[in-house]
């Protein structure tokens, strides 16, 4: 893992942002740590197991997404341009806790535990219209078929399913 200091969310923040996630249609909630206009973007994502993120890429050579696992377990899935899985990386607390997503790489991630906290950083000033490009070959979030697509991703044999959701 890189040697940069990773902030720790407070217990109050953990409770607050998971409460927001439980009441969110997207089943996740961000805590933005940077100021508008900052070059380095920093965010905690509080994500529930049934959250679906449409595969996307970040256009721009500086947009290398660094993900630091704070709690739980998730699988990062990287796709080719047609939506075929190229690579799957499982992050689990106490094991692999960091991954870097290359710029221009189609990707998403699926949660392997009920609650996941990921601290993400990326270079570049946030501009909503050019920050990311959504994959046309995958369902949009909350669209018909999104839940089935998420289940298909979770059932990918490359994901180590010995990491299971607690009851």
Foldseek 3Di string as FASTA:
>chain_A
DDPDDDDDDDPVVLVVQQVVLVVDLQSKGKDWDDDAPDQKTKIKIKHFQQHFDFWKFFADQQFKKKKFWDDAKKKKFWADLQRHTDDIDIDGPPPRGIDIHGHPITIDMGGQEGITIIMMMTGGRDDPVRGIDGRPNADHGPDVPRSVVNVVVVPPPVDPNVSHYDD
